Protein backbone atom coordinates (compact mmCIF):
# COMPACT_ATOMS: atom_id res chain seq x y z
CA MET A 1 100.97 137.76 51.98
CA VAL A 2 99.01 134.55 51.73
CA ASN A 3 96.19 133.71 54.15
CA VAL A 4 96.52 130.25 55.67
CA ASN A 5 93.41 128.47 56.94
CA ARG A 6 93.50 125.41 59.10
CA TYR A 7 91.73 122.40 57.57
CA ALA A 8 89.38 120.73 60.09
CA PRO A 9 86.56 118.96 58.25
CA LEU A 10 84.83 117.68 61.42
CA GLY A 11 85.96 120.36 63.87
CA ASP A 12 82.93 122.60 63.43
CA ILE A 13 80.51 119.69 63.70
CA PHE A 14 81.92 118.54 67.06
CA ASP A 15 82.01 122.10 68.36
CA ASP A 16 78.31 122.51 67.50
CA LEU A 17 77.38 119.15 69.04
CA LEU A 18 79.19 119.79 72.29
CA LYS A 19 78.14 123.43 72.63
CA GLY A 20 75.62 123.62 75.45
CA PHE A 21 76.12 119.96 76.41
CA VAL A 22 77.63 120.91 79.74
CA VAL A 23 75.43 123.68 81.06
CA ARG A 24 77.08 124.09 84.43
CA PRO A 25 79.89 122.38 86.29
CA VAL A 26 79.12 119.02 87.83
CA SER A 27 79.25 119.06 91.60
CA TYR A 28 78.81 116.29 94.10
CA ASP A 29 78.45 118.69 97.02
CA THR A 30 75.13 119.28 98.71
CA PRO A 31 73.14 122.12 97.12
CA ALA A 32 73.36 125.62 98.52
CA ALA A 33 70.72 126.72 100.99
CA ASN A 34 69.31 129.22 98.50
CA ASP A 35 69.01 126.63 95.70
CA ILE A 36 65.26 126.59 94.88
CA ARG A 37 63.87 124.31 92.21
CA GLN A 38 60.58 124.21 90.38
CA PHE A 39 58.46 121.10 89.98
CA ARG A 40 56.03 119.93 87.32
CA ILE A 41 52.31 120.65 87.53
CA ASP A 42 49.16 119.86 85.55
CA VAL A 43 46.13 122.17 85.77
CA SER A 44 42.71 121.18 84.47
CA GLU A 45 39.13 122.41 84.84
CA GLN A 46 36.24 120.18 85.77
CA ASN A 47 32.77 120.88 87.17
CA GLY A 48 33.56 124.56 87.82
CA ASP A 49 36.72 123.74 89.79
CA TYR A 50 40.42 123.86 89.00
CA LYS A 51 42.27 120.61 89.59
CA VAL A 52 46.03 120.85 90.11
CA LEU A 53 48.40 117.87 90.19
CA ALA A 54 51.96 118.60 91.35
CA ASP A 55 54.87 116.15 91.46
CA LEU A 56 56.69 116.46 94.80
CA PRO A 57 58.71 113.26 95.24
CA GLY A 58 60.40 112.70 98.58
CA VAL A 59 58.51 115.49 100.35
CA LYS A 60 56.58 114.91 103.57
CA LYS A 61 53.09 116.40 103.69
CA GLU A 62 54.05 118.43 106.77
CA ASP A 63 56.66 120.25 104.67
CA ILE A 64 54.20 121.47 102.00
CA ARG A 65 52.82 125.03 102.18
CA ILE A 66 50.02 126.18 99.87
CA SER A 67 48.74 129.74 99.65
CA VAL A 68 46.02 131.27 97.48
CA ASP A 69 45.74 135.00 96.86
CA GLY A 70 42.94 135.78 94.42
CA ASP A 71 43.84 133.84 91.29
CA VAL A 72 47.51 133.24 92.24
CA VAL A 73 48.41 129.86 93.74
CA SER A 74 51.78 129.33 95.43
CA ILE A 75 53.14 125.94 96.46
CA ASN A 76 56.31 125.65 98.53
CA ALA A 77 57.90 122.45 99.79
CA GLU A 78 61.14 121.31 101.35
CA THR A 79 63.07 118.06 101.50
CA ARG A 80 65.52 117.43 104.28
CA ASN A 81 68.48 115.11 104.68
CA GLU A 82 67.57 112.74 107.48
CA LYS A 83 70.03 110.04 106.51
CA GLU A 84 72.48 108.69 109.05
CA VAL A 85 76.04 108.27 107.89
CA LYS A 86 77.44 105.12 109.47
CA GLU A 87 81.00 104.68 110.64
CA GLY A 88 83.24 103.88 107.68
CA GLU A 89 80.52 104.66 105.11
CA ARG A 90 81.36 106.93 102.19
CA VAL A 91 78.91 108.38 99.70
CA VAL A 92 80.16 107.64 96.20
CA HIS A 93 77.46 109.31 94.11
CA THR A 94 74.17 111.06 94.85
CA GLU A 95 71.63 112.70 92.53
CA ARG A 96 68.65 113.19 94.82
CA PHE A 97 67.76 116.81 95.44
CA LEU A 98 67.66 118.12 98.98
CA GLY A 99 66.37 121.63 99.46
CA LYS A 100 63.40 123.82 98.60
CA TYR A 101 60.82 123.58 95.83
CA SER A 102 58.72 126.56 94.87
CA ARG A 103 56.11 127.30 92.22
CA SER A 104 53.57 130.08 91.72
CA PHE A 105 51.07 130.32 88.90
CA ARG A 106 48.01 132.34 87.93
CA LEU A 107 44.62 130.81 87.17
CA GLY A 108 41.95 132.37 84.94
CA ARG A 109 39.57 133.26 87.78
CA GLU A 110 39.77 133.87 91.50
CA VAL A 111 39.66 130.86 93.80
CA ASP A 112 37.25 130.35 96.70
CA GLU A 113 39.77 129.60 99.46
CA ALA A 114 37.09 128.30 101.84
CA GLY A 115 36.24 125.35 99.58
CA ALA A 116 39.80 124.43 98.59
CA GLN A 117 40.97 120.87 99.24
CA ALA A 118 44.44 119.33 99.20
CA LYS A 119 45.50 115.68 99.18
CA TYR A 120 49.05 114.27 99.10
CA SER A 121 49.75 110.67 98.19
CA ASP A 122 52.69 108.81 96.61
CA GLY A 123 54.63 112.00 95.86
CA VAL A 124 51.73 113.72 94.06
CA LEU A 125 49.90 116.72 95.52
CA GLU A 126 46.30 117.07 94.34
CA LEU A 127 44.49 120.38 94.79
CA VAL A 128 40.83 121.01 94.09
CA LEU A 129 40.27 124.76 93.91
CA PRO A 130 36.67 125.92 93.38
CA LYS A 131 36.19 129.06 91.33
CA LYS A 132 34.80 132.08 93.12
CA ALA A 133 31.35 133.10 91.86
CA ALA A 134 31.53 135.86 89.30
CA PRO A 135 30.13 139.15 90.59
CA ALA A 136 26.71 139.94 89.16
CA SER A 137 26.65 142.85 86.77
CA LYS A 138 24.54 145.80 87.79
CA GLN A 139 22.43 147.80 85.38
CA ILE A 140 22.66 151.57 85.77
CA THR A 141 19.72 153.68 84.62
CA VAL A 142 20.48 156.82 82.73
CA GLN A 143 18.57 159.87 84.06
């Protein structure tokens, strides 16, 4: 018996190009209540402090929660839909995210929570987190 192969010179190329192009189905519904997204951050060190910049567009400062536990920093935020739908109005397309943002990350040293500062302006959260003083080493005498 003879093996017959289908001739498709560009078939494999298009399959490879389109593979992974659509990661998940497109939906125009509002996101689920448990849909939590991460946001982008920058962390730098200056003058013995950590400086964190976090992009949180569309979030009100009252809806931002920051917690520090040792060297772990957690930032949680939430955006809400406060838009009025007028009589006869129909939403055709929306891409803005409504829901919860969450991000936790570990720094190199513990943070002094008492001296921490937070500022929020133009969708950017700025944290200044001073490093906790390193414990002094103790010499032990051998008897």
